[in-house]
Amino acid sequence: MNQPPDPANFAARRKPTPKPWYRSRGWWLKQLHGWHWMSAAISLIGMLLFAATGITLNHAASINTTPEVRTLTGQLPRPLLARLDNPTSDTIPLPAPVVADIHQRIGLDAAGKEGEWSDSEVYVALPRPGGDAWVSIDRKSGAISAEVTRRGWISYANDLHKGRNTGGVWSWFIDIFAGACILFTLTGLVLLYMHSKPRPLTWPLVGLGLLAPLLIILFFLH
């Protein structure tokens, strides 16, 4: 005589096999949220700086600043003046003892900067964020002439935005910051996709963010 089927065994047979941890929606949401907030934390301050300086750069012509120009002078000692004789090329940096003496006298650091050598003088450009500077040494008399120009903190921040005369360390920072921003936006895009079903305005808004600059480029930039 056949036994009736056990309902418990029937339910057990129909119980779905759980997905592997790496295929579950919850696992992906946890990973994406983790990477999203970490990249946001890393890029938050930099993103604020670059957004603000984007506005100041866009309106640079309407922001009036008065550069502050400071003239410096000094005298290179005769023993050090002799070190400027017979340069091996017309672009070599100043000798280290001369650099140290200039830094002590007028506070400018010309270490490692290319010089422009002529028969009468050595000129060294010292560009910097938010300003400019240069130093010139008369190869006959040893007279030191220099000028430092500062254009204010807005110009300084704008130059940070552009990476102008900021050196290698700041260049590395911009690359790392840009990578964090890319990770932030990509994880945000995937999170939008995963949460978009109950939010019907998600993709129209994303499309607007793409379409608006595209239409401006096509119709207004010639």
N, C-alpha and C. Protein backbone atom coordinates (compact mmCIF):
# COMPACT_ATOMS: atom_id res chain seq x y z
N MET A 1 0.86 -1.20 0.00
CA MET A 1 0.00 0.00 0.00
C MET A 1 0.88 1.24 0.00
N ASN A 2 0.57 2.17 -0.93
CA ASN A 2 1.40 3.36 -1.03
C ASN A 2 1.14 4.31 0.12
N GLN A 3 2.23 4.85 0.66
CA GLN A 3 2.12 5.84 1.72
C GLN A 3 1.86 7.23 1.11
N PRO A 4 1.02 8.04 1.75
CA PRO A 4 0.80 9.40 1.24
C PRO A 4 2.09 10.22 1.37
N PRO A 5 2.33 11.15 0.45
CA PRO A 5 3.56 11.96 0.52
C PRO A 5 3.59 12.82 1.77
N ASP A 6 4.76 12.87 2.32
CA ASP A 6 4.97 13.70 3.52
C ASP A 6 5.05 15.17 3.10
N PRO A 7 4.18 16.05 3.59
CA PRO A 7 4.23 17.47 3.20
C PRO A 7 5.57 18.12 3.52
N ALA A 8 6.22 17.69 4.61
CA ALA A 8 7.52 18.29 4.97
C ALA A 8 8.57 17.97 3.92
N ASN A 9 8.59 16.70 3.44
CA ASN A 9 9.55 16.35 2.39
C ASN A 9 9.26 17.10 1.09
N PHE A 10 7.96 17.27 0.79
CA PHE A 10 7.57 17.98 -0.42
C PHE A 10 8.05 19.43 -0.36
N ALA A 11 7.86 20.08 0.80
CA ALA A 11 8.30 21.48 0.96
C ALA A 11 9.81 21.58 0.88
N ALA A 12 10.50 20.55 1.44
CA ALA A 12 11.96 20.58 1.41
C ALA A 12 12.48 20.49 -0.02
N ARG A 13 11.77 19.63 -0.82
CA ARG A 13 12.22 19.49 -2.21
C ARG A 13 11.99 20.77 -3.01
N ARG A 14 10.98 21.53 -2.64
CA ARG A 14 10.68 22.75 -3.39
C ARG A 14 11.43 23.97 -2.86
N LYS A 15 12.11 23.82 -1.76
CA LYS A 15 12.85 24.95 -1.19
C LYS A 15 13.97 25.36 -2.14
N PRO A 16 14.02 26.64 -2.55
CA PRO A 16 15.05 27.07 -3.52
C PRO A 16 16.45 27.00 -2.92
N THR A 17 17.37 26.65 -3.77
CA THR A 17 18.78 26.62 -3.34
C THR A 17 19.30 28.04 -3.17
N PRO A 18 19.87 28.36 -2.02
CA PRO A 18 20.37 29.74 -1.83
C PRO A 18 21.48 30.07 -2.82
N LYS A 19 21.48 31.33 -3.26
CA LYS A 19 22.51 31.77 -4.19
C LYS A 19 23.85 31.87 -3.47
N PRO A 20 24.94 31.68 -4.20
CA PRO A 20 26.25 31.92 -3.58
C PRO A 20 26.35 33.36 -3.09
N TRP A 21 27.17 33.57 -2.06
CA TRP A 21 27.27 34.90 -1.46
C TRP A 21 27.66 35.96 -2.47
N TYR A 22 28.46 35.60 -3.47
CA TYR A 22 28.95 36.60 -4.43
C TYR A 22 27.92 36.91 -5.51
N ARG A 23 26.76 36.21 -5.50
CA ARG A 23 25.73 36.47 -6.50
C ARG A 23 24.49 37.11 -5.89
N SER A 24 24.47 37.29 -4.59
CA SER A 24 23.27 37.82 -3.94
C SER A 24 23.24 39.35 -4.05
N ARG A 25 22.04 39.88 -4.15
CA ARG A 25 21.86 41.33 -4.24
C ARG A 25 22.37 42.02 -2.98
N GLY A 26 22.12 41.40 -1.83
CA GLY A 26 22.58 42.00 -0.58
C GLY A 26 24.09 42.14 -0.52
N TRP A 27 24.81 41.11 -1.04
CA TRP A 27 26.28 41.18 -1.03
C TRP A 27 26.77 42.32 -1.90
N TRP A 28 26.19 42.45 -3.10
CA TRP A 28 26.61 43.53 -4.00
C TRP A 28 26.27 44.90 -3.42
N LEU A 29 25.10 45.03 -2.81
CA LEU A 29 24.76 46.31 -2.21
C LEU A 29 25.73 46.69 -1.10
N LYS A 30 26.11 45.69 -0.30
CA LYS A 30 27.06 45.96 0.78
C LYS A 30 28.40 46.41 0.23
N GLN A 31 28.90 45.72 -0.82
CA GLN A 31 30.17 46.10 -1.42
C GLN A 31 30.11 47.49 -2.03
N LEU A 32 29.05 47.75 -2.79
CA LEU A 32 28.93 49.04 -3.47
C LEU A 32 28.80 50.18 -2.48
N HIS A 33 28.01 50.00 -1.45
CA HIS A 33 27.88 51.05 -0.44
C HIS A 33 29.21 51.30 0.25
N GLY A 34 29.96 50.23 0.53
CA GLY A 34 31.26 50.40 1.17
C GLY A 34 32.23 51.20 0.32
N TRP A 35 32.37 50.81 -0.96
CA TRP A 35 33.28 51.54 -1.85
C TRP A 35 32.78 52.95 -2.13
N HIS A 36 31.46 53.12 -2.16
CA HIS A 36 30.89 54.44 -2.45
C HIS A 36 31.21 55.41 -1.32
N TRP A 37 31.01 54.99 -0.07
CA TRP A 37 31.26 55.93 1.02
C TRP A 37 32.75 56.16 1.23
N MET A 38 33.59 55.14 0.99
CA MET A 38 35.03 55.35 1.15
C MET A 38 35.56 56.33 0.10
N SER A 39 35.14 56.15 -1.17
CA SER A 39 35.59 57.07 -2.21
C SER A 39 35.03 58.47 -1.97
N ALA A 40 33.81 58.56 -1.42
CA ALA A 40 33.24 59.86 -1.11
C ALA A 40 34.04 60.55 0.00
N ALA A 41 34.41 59.79 1.02
CA ALA A 41 35.18 60.38 2.12
C ALA A 41 36.55 60.88 1.65
N ILE A 42 37.18 60.12 0.74
CA ILE A 42 38.50 60.52 0.24
C ILE A 42 38.40 61.77 -0.63
N SER A 43 37.37 61.84 -1.47
CA SER A 43 37.30 62.91 -2.46
C SER A 43 36.45 64.10 -2.03
N LEU A 44 35.82 64.04 -0.85
CA LEU A 44 34.87 65.07 -0.45
C LEU A 44 35.48 66.47 -0.43
N ILE A 45 36.57 66.66 0.30
CA ILE A 45 37.16 67.99 0.44
C ILE A 45 37.72 68.46 -0.89
N GLY A 46 38.41 67.56 -1.61
CA GLY A 46 38.94 67.93 -2.91
C GLY A 46 37.85 68.29 -3.90
N MET A 47 36.73 67.55 -3.86
CA MET A 47 35.62 67.84 -4.77
C MET A 47 35.02 69.21 -4.47
N LEU A 48 34.93 69.55 -3.19
CA LEU A 48 34.43 70.87 -2.81
C LEU A 48 35.37 71.96 -3.32
N LEU A 49 36.68 71.75 -3.17
CA LEU A 49 37.67 72.72 -3.65
C LEU A 49 37.58 72.89 -5.16
N PHE A 50 37.53 71.77 -5.88
CA PHE A 50 37.52 71.85 -7.34
C PHE A 50 36.19 72.42 -7.85
N ALA A 51 35.09 72.16 -7.16
CA ALA A 51 33.81 72.75 -7.57
C ALA A 51 33.82 74.26 -7.36
N ALA A 52 34.33 74.70 -6.20
CA ALA A 52 34.37 76.14 -5.92
C ALA A 52 35.30 76.87 -6.88
N THR A 53 36.49 76.28 -7.14
CA THR A 53 37.42 76.94 -8.07
C THR A 53 36.94 76.82 -9.51
N GLY A 54 36.07 75.85 -9.80
CA GLY A 54 35.45 75.84 -11.13
C GLY A 54 34.62 77.09 -11.35
N ILE A 55 33.92 77.54 -10.30
CA ILE A 55 33.13 78.78 -10.40
C ILE A 55 34.05 79.99 -10.54
N THR A 56 35.09 80.06 -9.72
CA THR A 56 35.99 81.22 -9.79
C THR A 56 36.75 81.27 -11.12
N LEU A 57 37.12 80.11 -11.67
CA LEU A 57 37.77 80.11 -12.98
C LEU A 57 36.80 80.52 -14.07
N ASN A 58 35.55 80.10 -13.96
CA ASN A 58 34.56 80.45 -14.97
C ASN A 58 34.26 81.94 -14.98
N HIS A 59 34.48 82.61 -13.83
CA HIS A 59 34.22 84.05 -13.73
C HIS A 59 35.50 84.82 -13.42
N ALA A 60 36.62 84.29 -13.92
CA ALA A 60 37.92 84.92 -13.60
C ALA A 60 37.99 86.36 -14.10
N ALA A 61 37.38 86.64 -15.24
CA ALA A 61 37.46 88.00 -15.80
C ALA A 61 36.73 89.02 -14.94
N SER A 62 35.74 88.57 -14.19
CA SER A 62 34.95 89.50 -13.38
C SER A 62 35.46 89.62 -11.95
N ILE A 63 36.48 88.85 -11.60
CA ILE A 63 37.06 88.92 -10.25
C ILE A 63 38.30 89.79 -10.32
N ASN A 64 38.18 90.98 -9.77
CA ASN A 64 39.28 91.94 -9.83
C ASN A 64 40.24 91.72 -8.66
N THR A 65 41.49 91.56 -8.98
CA THR A 65 42.53 91.42 -7.96
C THR A 65 43.69 92.35 -8.29
N THR A 66 44.31 92.86 -7.27
CA THR A 66 45.48 93.72 -7.45
C THR A 66 46.72 92.96 -7.00
N PRO A 67 47.59 92.62 -7.95
CA PRO A 67 48.79 91.86 -7.57
C PRO A 67 49.67 92.64 -6.59
N GLU A 68 50.23 91.92 -5.67
CA GLU A 68 51.19 92.51 -4.73
C GLU A 68 52.60 92.16 -5.22
N VAL A 69 53.37 93.20 -5.56
CA VAL A 69 54.71 93.01 -6.12
C VAL A 69 55.74 93.50 -5.11
N ARG A 70 56.68 92.63 -4.81
CA ARG A 70 57.74 92.97 -3.86
C ARG A 70 59.09 92.81 -4.54
N THR A 71 59.93 93.84 -4.46
CA THR A 71 61.25 93.83 -5.07
C THR A 71 62.30 93.57 -4.00
N LEU A 72 63.22 92.68 -4.31
CA LEU A 72 64.28 92.29 -3.37
C LEU A 72 65.64 92.51 -4.02
N THR A 73 66.60 92.87 -3.22
CA THR A 73 67.96 93.06 -3.72
C THR A 73 68.96 92.47 -2.74
N GLY A 74 70.14 92.22 -3.22
CA GLY A 74 71.22 91.70 -2.39
C GLY A 74 72.54 91.74 -3.14
N GLN A 75 73.57 91.24 -2.49
CA GLN A 75 74.90 91.23 -3.09
C GLN A 75 75.56 89.88 -2.86
N LEU A 76 75.94 89.25 -3.95
CA LEU A 76 76.63 87.96 -3.85
C LEU A 76 78.09 88.19 -3.50
N PRO A 77 78.60 87.49 -2.49
CA PRO A 77 80.02 87.67 -2.12
C PRO A 77 80.95 87.31 -3.28
N ARG A 78 82.10 87.97 -3.31
CA ARG A 78 83.06 87.78 -4.40
C ARG A 78 83.50 86.32 -4.56
N PRO A 79 83.76 85.56 -3.48
CA PRO A 79 84.16 84.15 -3.68
C PRO A 79 83.07 83.33 -4.39
N LEU A 80 81.79 83.61 -4.07
CA LEU A 80 80.71 82.89 -4.73
C LEU A 80 80.49 83.37 -6.16
N LEU A 81 80.80 84.63 -6.41
CA LEU A 81 80.65 85.16 -7.77
C LEU A 81 81.55 84.41 -8.74
N ALA A 82 82.70 83.98 -8.26
CA ALA A 82 83.62 83.24 -9.13
C ALA A 82 83.03 81.90 -9.58
N ARG A 83 82.06 81.38 -8.82
CA ARG A 83 81.45 80.11 -9.19
C ARG A 83 80.51 80.24 -10.40
N LEU A 84 80.24 81.47 -10.80
CA LEU A 84 79.39 81.68 -11.97
C LEU A 84 80.20 81.76 -13.26
N ASP A 85 81.51 81.61 -13.14
CA ASP A 85 82.35 81.63 -14.34
C ASP A 85 82.29 80.27 -15.06
N ASN A 86 82.40 80.33 -16.36
CA ASN A 86 82.51 79.14 -17.21
C ASN A 86 81.42 78.10 -16.97
N PRO A 87 80.15 78.45 -17.16
CA PRO A 87 79.08 77.44 -17.02
C PRO A 87 79.19 76.40 -18.13
N THR A 88 78.81 75.18 -17.81
CA THR A 88 78.91 74.09 -18.79
C THR A 88 77.81 74.15 -19.85
N SER A 89 76.70 74.84 -19.55
CA SER A 89 75.65 75.07 -20.55
C SER A 89 74.91 76.33 -20.16
N ASP A 90 74.03 76.79 -21.05
CA ASP A 90 73.31 78.03 -20.76
C ASP A 90 71.97 77.80 -20.07
N THR A 91 71.74 76.56 -19.57
CA THR A 91 70.49 76.28 -18.85
C THR A 91 70.72 75.56 -17.51
N ILE A 92 71.97 75.41 -17.11
CA ILE A 92 72.22 74.67 -15.87
C ILE A 92 71.72 75.47 -14.66
N PRO A 93 71.31 74.78 -13.58
CA PRO A 93 70.91 75.48 -12.36
C PRO A 93 72.10 76.19 -11.72
N LEU A 94 71.79 77.06 -10.79
CA LEU A 94 72.84 77.76 -10.05
C LEU A 94 73.58 76.77 -9.16
N PRO A 95 74.88 77.00 -8.91
CA PRO A 95 75.63 76.14 -7.98
C PRO A 95 74.99 76.16 -6.59
N ALA A 96 75.10 75.04 -5.90
CA ALA A 96 74.45 74.91 -4.59
C ALA A 96 74.86 75.99 -3.58
N PRO A 97 76.16 76.35 -3.48
CA PRO A 97 76.52 77.42 -2.53
C PRO A 97 75.87 78.76 -2.88
N VAL A 98 75.72 79.04 -4.18
CA VAL A 98 75.07 80.29 -4.59
C VAL A 98 73.59 80.24 -4.23
N VAL A 99 72.95 79.09 -4.45
CA VAL A 99 71.53 78.93 -4.09
C VAL A 99 71.34 79.16 -2.59
N ALA A 100 72.22 78.58 -1.78
CA ALA A 100 72.10 78.73 -0.33
C ALA A 100 72.27 80.19 0.10
N ASP A 101 73.19 80.90 -0.53
CA ASP A 101 73.42 82.30 -0.18
C ASP A 101 72.22 83.16 -0.57
N ILE A 102 71.63 82.91 -1.75
CA ILE A 102 70.47 83.67 -2.18
C ILE A 102 69.30 83.42 -1.23
N HIS A 103 69.12 82.17 -0.83
CA HIS A 103 68.03 81.84 0.08
C HIS A 103 68.21 82.54 1.41
N GLN A 104 69.43 82.63 1.89
CA GLN A 104 69.70 83.28 3.17
C GLN A 104 69.48 84.79 3.07
N ARG A 105 69.81 85.39 1.94
CA ARG A 105 69.75 86.85 1.81
C ARG A 105 68.35 87.35 1.48
N ILE A 106 67.66 86.70 0.56
CA ILE A 106 66.37 87.24 0.11
C ILE A 106 65.21 86.26 0.26
N GLY A 107 65.47 85.04 0.73
CA GLY A 107 64.40 84.11 1.03
C GLY A 107 63.81 83.37 -0.15
N LEU A 108 64.47 83.37 -1.30
CA LEU A 108 63.99 82.65 -2.47
C LEU A 108 64.83 81.40 -2.68
N ASP A 109 64.16 80.31 -3.03
CA ASP A 109 64.83 79.03 -3.21
C ASP A 109 64.91 78.71 -4.71
N ALA A 110 66.11 78.75 -5.25
CA ALA A 110 66.33 78.48 -6.67
C ALA A 110 66.93 77.10 -6.90
N ALA A 111 66.88 76.23 -5.91
CA ALA A 111 67.50 74.91 -6.02
C ALA A 111 66.86 74.10 -7.14
N GLY A 112 67.67 73.58 -8.02
CA GLY A 112 67.21 72.71 -9.09
C GLY A 112 66.50 73.40 -10.23
N LYS A 113 66.35 74.72 -10.18
CA LYS A 113 65.66 75.44 -11.25
C LYS A 113 66.64 75.78 -12.38
N GLU A 114 66.18 75.60 -13.60
CA GLU A 114 67.02 75.93 -14.75
C GLU A 114 67.31 77.43 -14.80
N GLY A 115 68.55 77.76 -15.14
CA GLY A 115 68.92 79.16 -15.29
C GLY A 115 69.01 79.55 -16.76
N GLU A 116 68.89 80.83 -17.00
CA GLU A 116 69.11 81.37 -18.34
C GLU A 116 70.39 82.19 -18.27
N TRP A 117 71.48 81.60 -18.80
CA TRP A 117 72.80 82.19 -18.68
C TRP A 117 73.13 83.03 -19.90
N SER A 118 73.61 84.23 -19.65
CA SER A 118 74.15 85.08 -20.71
C SER A 118 75.50 85.61 -20.25
N ASP A 119 76.14 86.38 -21.07
CA ASP A 119 77.45 86.90 -20.68
C ASP A 119 77.36 87.88 -19.51
N SER A 120 76.21 88.52 -19.35
CA SER A 120 76.10 89.56 -18.33
C SER A 120 75.37 89.12 -17.06
N GLU A 121 74.48 88.12 -17.16
CA GLU A 121 73.68 87.78 -16.00
C GLU A 121 73.24 86.31 -16.04
N VAL A 122 72.71 85.88 -14.90
CA VAL A 122 72.01 84.59 -14.79
C VAL A 122 70.60 84.91 -14.31
N TYR A 123 69.62 84.45 -15.06
CA TYR A 123 68.22 84.70 -14.72
C TYR A 123 67.56 83.36 -14.40
N VAL A 124 66.84 83.30 -13.27
CA VAL A 124 66.15 82.07 -12.87
C VAL A 124 64.69 82.40 -12.61
N ALA A 125 63.80 81.75 -13.36
CA ALA A 125 62.37 81.92 -13.15
C ALA A 125 61.91 81.00 -12.02
N LEU A 126 61.06 81.53 -11.15
CA LEU A 126 60.56 80.78 -9.99
C LEU A 126 59.04 80.87 -9.95
N PRO A 127 58.35 80.28 -10.92
CA PRO A 127 56.88 80.35 -10.92
C PRO A 127 56.31 79.57 -9.75
N ARG A 128 55.15 80.00 -9.30
CA ARG A 128 54.50 79.39 -8.14
C ARG A 128 52.99 79.56 -8.25
N PRO A 129 52.21 78.74 -7.53
CA PRO A 129 50.76 78.91 -7.56
C PRO A 129 50.36 80.28 -7.01
N GLY A 130 49.47 80.94 -7.70
CA GLY A 130 48.95 82.22 -7.23
C GLY A 130 49.92 83.37 -7.35
N GLY A 131 50.97 83.21 -8.12
CA GLY A 131 51.92 84.30 -8.25
C GLY A 131 53.09 83.94 -9.14
N ASP A 132 54.15 84.68 -8.97
CA ASP A 132 55.34 84.48 -9.79
C ASP A 132 56.53 85.04 -9.03
N ALA A 133 57.72 84.64 -9.46
CA ALA A 133 58.94 85.17 -8.86
C ALA A 133 60.09 84.92 -9.82
N TRP A 134 61.12 85.71 -9.69
CA TRP A 134 62.35 85.50 -10.45
C TRP A 134 63.51 86.11 -9.70
N VAL A 135 64.70 85.64 -10.02
CA VAL A 135 65.92 86.19 -9.44
C VAL A 135 66.96 86.31 -10.54
N SER A 136 67.71 87.38 -10.50
CA SER A 136 68.75 87.64 -11.51
C SER A 136 70.04 88.04 -10.79
N ILE A 137 71.16 87.51 -11.28
CA ILE A 137 72.47 87.84 -10.70
C ILE A 137 73.34 88.43 -11.79
N ASP A 138 73.87 89.59 -11.52
CA ASP A 138 74.83 90.22 -12.43
C ASP A 138 76.17 89.48 -12.31
N ARG A 139 76.64 88.89 -13.41
CA ARG A 139 77.84 88.08 -13.36
C ARG A 139 79.10 88.92 -13.24
N LYS A 140 79.01 90.21 -13.42
CA LYS A 140 80.19 91.08 -13.27
C LYS A 140 80.30 91.62 -11.85
N SER A 141 79.17 92.18 -11.34
CA SER A 141 79.21 92.83 -10.03
C SER A 141 78.71 91.95 -8.89
N GLY A 142 77.95 90.92 -9.19
CA GLY A 142 77.37 90.08 -8.15
C GLY A 142 76.09 90.63 -7.56
N ALA A 143 75.54 91.70 -8.15
CA ALA A 143 74.30 92.28 -7.65
C ALA A 143 73.13 91.31 -7.89
N ILE A 144 72.33 91.12 -6.84
CA ILE A 144 71.18 90.24 -6.90
C ILE A 144 69.92 91.09 -7.00
N SER A 145 69.11 90.81 -8.00
CA SER A 145 67.82 91.47 -8.16
C SER A 145 66.74 90.38 -8.21
N ALA A 146 65.63 90.65 -7.54
CA ALA A 146 64.56 89.65 -7.52
C ALA A 146 63.23 90.35 -7.39
N GLU A 147 62.19 89.62 -7.78
CA GLU A 147 60.84 90.15 -7.68
C GLU A 147 59.88 89.02 -7.36
N VAL A 148 58.97 89.27 -6.43
CA VAL A 148 57.97 88.29 -6.02
C VAL A 148 56.60 88.92 -6.23
N THR A 149 55.73 88.21 -6.95
CA THR A 149 54.38 88.70 -7.22
C THR A 149 53.37 87.73 -6.61
N ARG A 150 52.42 88.28 -5.86
CA ARG A 150 51.33 87.48 -5.29
C ARG A 150 50.01 88.05 -5.79
N ARG A 151 49.15 87.15 -6.29
CA ARG A 151 47.87 87.58 -6.87
C ARG A 151 46.68 87.23 -6.00
N GLY A 152 46.91 86.82 -4.78
CA GLY A 152 45.80 86.57 -3.86
C GLY A 152 45.40 85.10 -3.78
N TRP A 153 44.54 84.81 -2.78
CA TRP A 153 44.20 83.41 -2.49
C TRP A 153 43.29 82.81 -3.56
N ILE A 154 42.48 83.63 -4.24
CA ILE A 154 41.63 83.08 -5.30
C ILE A 154 42.50 82.59 -6.46
N SER A 155 43.49 83.39 -6.82
CA SER A 155 44.42 82.97 -7.88
C SER A 155 45.19 81.73 -7.45
N TYR A 156 45.55 81.68 -6.17
CA TYR A 156 46.26 80.51 -5.65
C TYR A 156 45.41 79.24 -5.79
N ALA A 157 44.13 79.35 -5.37
CA ALA A 157 43.23 78.19 -5.47
C ALA A 157 42.97 77.81 -6.92
N ASN A 158 42.85 78.80 -7.81
CA ASN A 158 42.65 78.51 -9.23
C ASN A 158 43.84 77.75 -9.81
N ASP A 159 45.04 78.14 -9.42
CA ASP A 159 46.23 77.44 -9.91
C ASP A 159 46.31 76.02 -9.37
N LEU A 160 45.84 75.81 -8.14
CA LEU A 160 45.76 74.44 -7.62
C LEU A 160 44.80 73.61 -8.47
N HIS A 161 43.68 74.21 -8.87
CA HIS A 161 42.71 73.52 -9.72
C HIS A 161 43.36 73.09 -11.04
N LYS A 162 44.14 73.98 -11.63
CA LYS A 162 44.76 73.71 -12.94
C LYS A 162 46.06 72.93 -12.83
N GLY A 163 46.59 72.78 -11.61
CA GLY A 163 47.88 72.13 -11.46
C GLY A 163 49.01 72.97 -12.02
N ARG A 164 48.86 74.28 -11.99
CA ARG A 164 49.84 75.20 -12.58
C ARG A 164 50.96 75.48 -11.59
N ASN A 165 52.16 75.12 -11.97
CA ASN A 165 53.36 75.38 -11.15
C ASN A 165 53.22 74.82 -9.73
N THR A 166 52.65 73.63 -9.62
CA THR A 166 52.38 73.05 -8.30
C THR A 166 53.33 71.90 -7.94
N GLY A 167 54.12 71.43 -8.89
CA GLY A 167 55.08 70.38 -8.57
C GLY A 167 54.51 68.98 -8.67
N GLY A 168 55.40 68.00 -8.52
CA GLY A 168 55.04 66.60 -8.72
C GLY A 168 54.13 66.03 -7.66
N VAL A 169 54.27 66.45 -6.40
CA VAL A 169 53.45 65.88 -5.33
C VAL A 169 51.98 66.24 -5.53
N TRP A 170 51.72 67.50 -5.86
CA TRP A 170 50.34 67.91 -6.12
C TRP A 170 49.78 67.21 -7.35
N SER A 171 50.62 66.98 -8.35
CA SER A 171 50.18 66.25 -9.55
C SER A 171 49.73 64.84 -9.18
N TRP A 172 50.47 64.18 -8.29
CA TRP A 172 50.08 62.85 -7.83
C TRP A 172 48.76 62.92 -7.07
N PHE A 173 48.61 63.96 -6.25
CA PHE A 173 47.35 64.10 -5.50
C PHE A 173 46.17 64.23 -6.45
N ILE A 174 46.31 65.03 -7.52
CA ILE A 174 45.22 65.20 -8.47
C ILE A 174 44.86 63.87 -9.11
N ASP A 175 45.87 63.06 -9.47
CA ASP A 175 45.60 61.76 -10.08
C ASP A 175 44.83 60.84 -9.12
N ILE A 176 45.27 60.81 -7.85
CA ILE A 176 44.61 59.95 -6.86
C ILE A 176 43.19 60.46 -6.60
N PHE A 177 43.05 61.76 -6.47
CA PHE A 177 41.73 62.36 -6.26
C PHE A 177 40.80 62.06 -7.43
N ALA A 178 41.31 62.19 -8.67
CA ALA A 178 40.48 61.90 -9.84
C ALA A 178 40.04 60.44 -9.86
N GLY A 179 40.95 59.54 -9.49
CA GLY A 179 40.59 58.12 -9.41
C GLY A 179 39.50 57.87 -8.39
N ALA A 180 39.57 58.54 -7.23
CA ALA A 180 38.54 58.40 -6.20
C ALA A 180 37.20 58.93 -6.71
N CYS A 181 37.23 60.05 -7.47
CA CYS A 181 35.99 60.60 -8.01
C CYS A 181 35.37 59.65 -9.04
N ILE A 182 36.21 59.02 -9.87
CA ILE A 182 35.70 58.06 -10.85
C ILE A 182 35.05 56.88 -10.14
N LEU A 183 35.70 56.37 -9.09
CA LEU A 183 35.12 55.26 -8.32
C LEU A 183 33.81 55.68 -7.66
N PHE A 184 33.78 56.89 -7.14
CA PHE A 184 32.58 57.41 -6.50
C PHE A 184 31.41 57.48 -7.48
N THR A 185 31.67 57.99 -8.69
CA THR A 185 30.59 58.13 -9.66
C THR A 185 30.15 56.79 -10.22
N LEU A 186 31.09 55.87 -10.47
CA LEU A 186 30.72 54.57 -11.02
C LEU A 186 29.91 53.75 -10.03
N THR A 187 30.35 53.73 -8.77
CA THR A 187 29.57 53.00 -7.76
C THR A 187 28.22 53.67 -7.55
N GLY A 188 28.18 54.98 -7.64
CA GLY A 188 26.90 55.68 -7.54
C GLY A 188 25.97 55.31 -8.69
N LEU A 189 26.54 55.18 -9.89
CA LEU A 189 25.72 54.80 -11.04
C LEU A 189 25.12 53.41 -10.87
N VAL A 190 25.92 52.45 -10.39
CA VAL A 190 25.41 51.10 -10.18
C VAL A 190 24.37 51.10 -9.05
N LEU A 191 24.59 51.87 -8.00
CA LEU A 191 23.60 51.96 -6.93
C LEU A 191 22.30 52.59 -7.44
N LEU A 192 22.40 53.57 -8.32
CA LEU A 192 21.20 54.12 -8.94
C LEU A 192 20.42 53.04 -9.68
N TYR A 193 21.15 52.21 -10.42
CA TYR A 193 20.50 51.12 -11.16
C TYR A 193 19.79 50.16 -10.21
N MET A 194 20.47 49.82 -9.11
CA MET A 194 19.90 48.83 -8.19
C MET A 194 18.72 49.38 -7.39
N HIS A 195 18.65 50.71 -7.25
CA HIS A 195 17.55 51.31 -6.48
C HIS A 195 16.55 52.04 -7.37
N SER A 196 16.68 51.91 -8.68
CA SER A 196 15.87 52.73 -9.58
C SER A 196 14.44 52.23 -9.77
N LYS A 197 14.17 50.97 -9.49
CA LYS A 197 12.84 50.41 -9.78
C LYS A 197 11.72 51.18 -9.08
N PRO A 198 11.82 51.47 -7.78
CA PRO A 198 10.74 52.24 -7.14
C PRO A 198 10.89 53.75 -7.33
N ARG A 199 11.88 54.19 -8.08
CA ARG A 199 12.13 55.62 -8.29
C ARG A 199 12.11 55.91 -9.79
N PRO A 200 10.96 56.16 -10.37
CA PRO A 200 10.87 56.29 -11.83
C PRO A 200 11.59 57.50 -12.40
N LEU A 201 11.90 58.48 -11.59
CA LEU A 201 12.59 59.68 -12.10
C LEU A 201 14.10 59.48 -12.23
N THR A 202 14.62 58.34 -11.79
CA THR A 202 16.08 58.14 -11.77
C THR A 202 16.70 58.34 -13.14
N TRP A 203 16.24 57.56 -14.13
CA TRP A 203 16.91 57.60 -15.44
C TRP A 203 16.58 58.84 -16.25
N PRO A 204 15.38 59.42 -16.15
CA PRO A 204 15.19 60.73 -16.79
C PRO A 204 16.14 61.80 -16.27
N LEU A 205 16.42 61.79 -14.96
CA LEU A 205 17.35 62.77 -14.40
C LEU A 205 18.78 62.49 -14.86
N VAL A 206 19.16 61.21 -14.90
CA VAL A 206 20.49 60.86 -15.41
C VAL A 206 20.62 61.28 -16.87
N GLY A 207 19.58 61.02 -17.65
CA GLY A 207 19.59 61.42 -19.05
C GLY A 207 19.69 62.92 -19.22
N LEU A 208 19.00 63.67 -18.34
CA LEU A 208 19.09 65.13 -18.39
C LEU A 208 20.51 65.61 -18.12
N GLY A 209 21.17 64.95 -17.16
CA GLY A 209 22.55 65.32 -16.86
C GLY A 209 23.49 65.07 -18.03
N LEU A 210 23.17 64.10 -18.87
CA LEU A 210 23.96 63.85 -20.07
C LEU A 210 23.54 64.75 -21.22
N LEU A 211 22.24 64.94 -21.38
CA LEU A 211 21.73 65.67 -22.54
C LEU A 211 22.00 67.16 -22.47
N ALA A 212 21.91 67.76 -21.28
CA ALA A 212 22.06 69.21 -21.15
C ALA A 212 23.42 69.69 -21.65
N PRO A 213 24.55 69.15 -21.17
CA PRO A 213 25.84 69.63 -21.72
C PRO A 213 26.03 69.27 -23.19
N LEU A 214 25.47 68.12 -23.61
CA LEU A 214 25.61 67.73 -25.01
C LEU A 214 24.91 68.72 -25.93
N LEU A 215 23.70 69.17 -25.57
CA LEU A 215 22.98 70.14 -26.38
C LEU A 215 23.69 71.49 -26.40
N ILE A 216 24.25 71.89 -25.24
CA ILE A 216 25.00 73.16 -25.19
C ILE A 216 26.20 73.10 -26.12
N ILE A 217 26.92 71.98 -26.11
CA ILE A 217 28.09 71.82 -26.99
C ILE A 217 27.67 71.87 -28.46
N LEU A 218 26.57 71.19 -28.80
CA LEU A 218 26.16 71.09 -30.20
C LEU A 218 25.62 72.41 -30.74
N PHE A 219 24.90 73.16 -29.92
CA PHE A 219 24.18 74.32 -30.44
C PHE A 219 24.78 75.68 -30.06
N PHE A 220 25.60 75.71 -29.01
CA PHE A 220 26.09 77.00 -28.54
C PHE A 220 27.60 77.17 -28.59
N LEU A 221 28.34 76.08 -28.80
CA LEU A 221 29.80 76.17 -28.87
C LEU A 221 30.24 76.00 -30.31
N HIS A 222 30.73 77.07 -30.89
CA HIS A 222 31.15 77.02 -32.30
C HIS A 222 32.56 77.63 -32.41
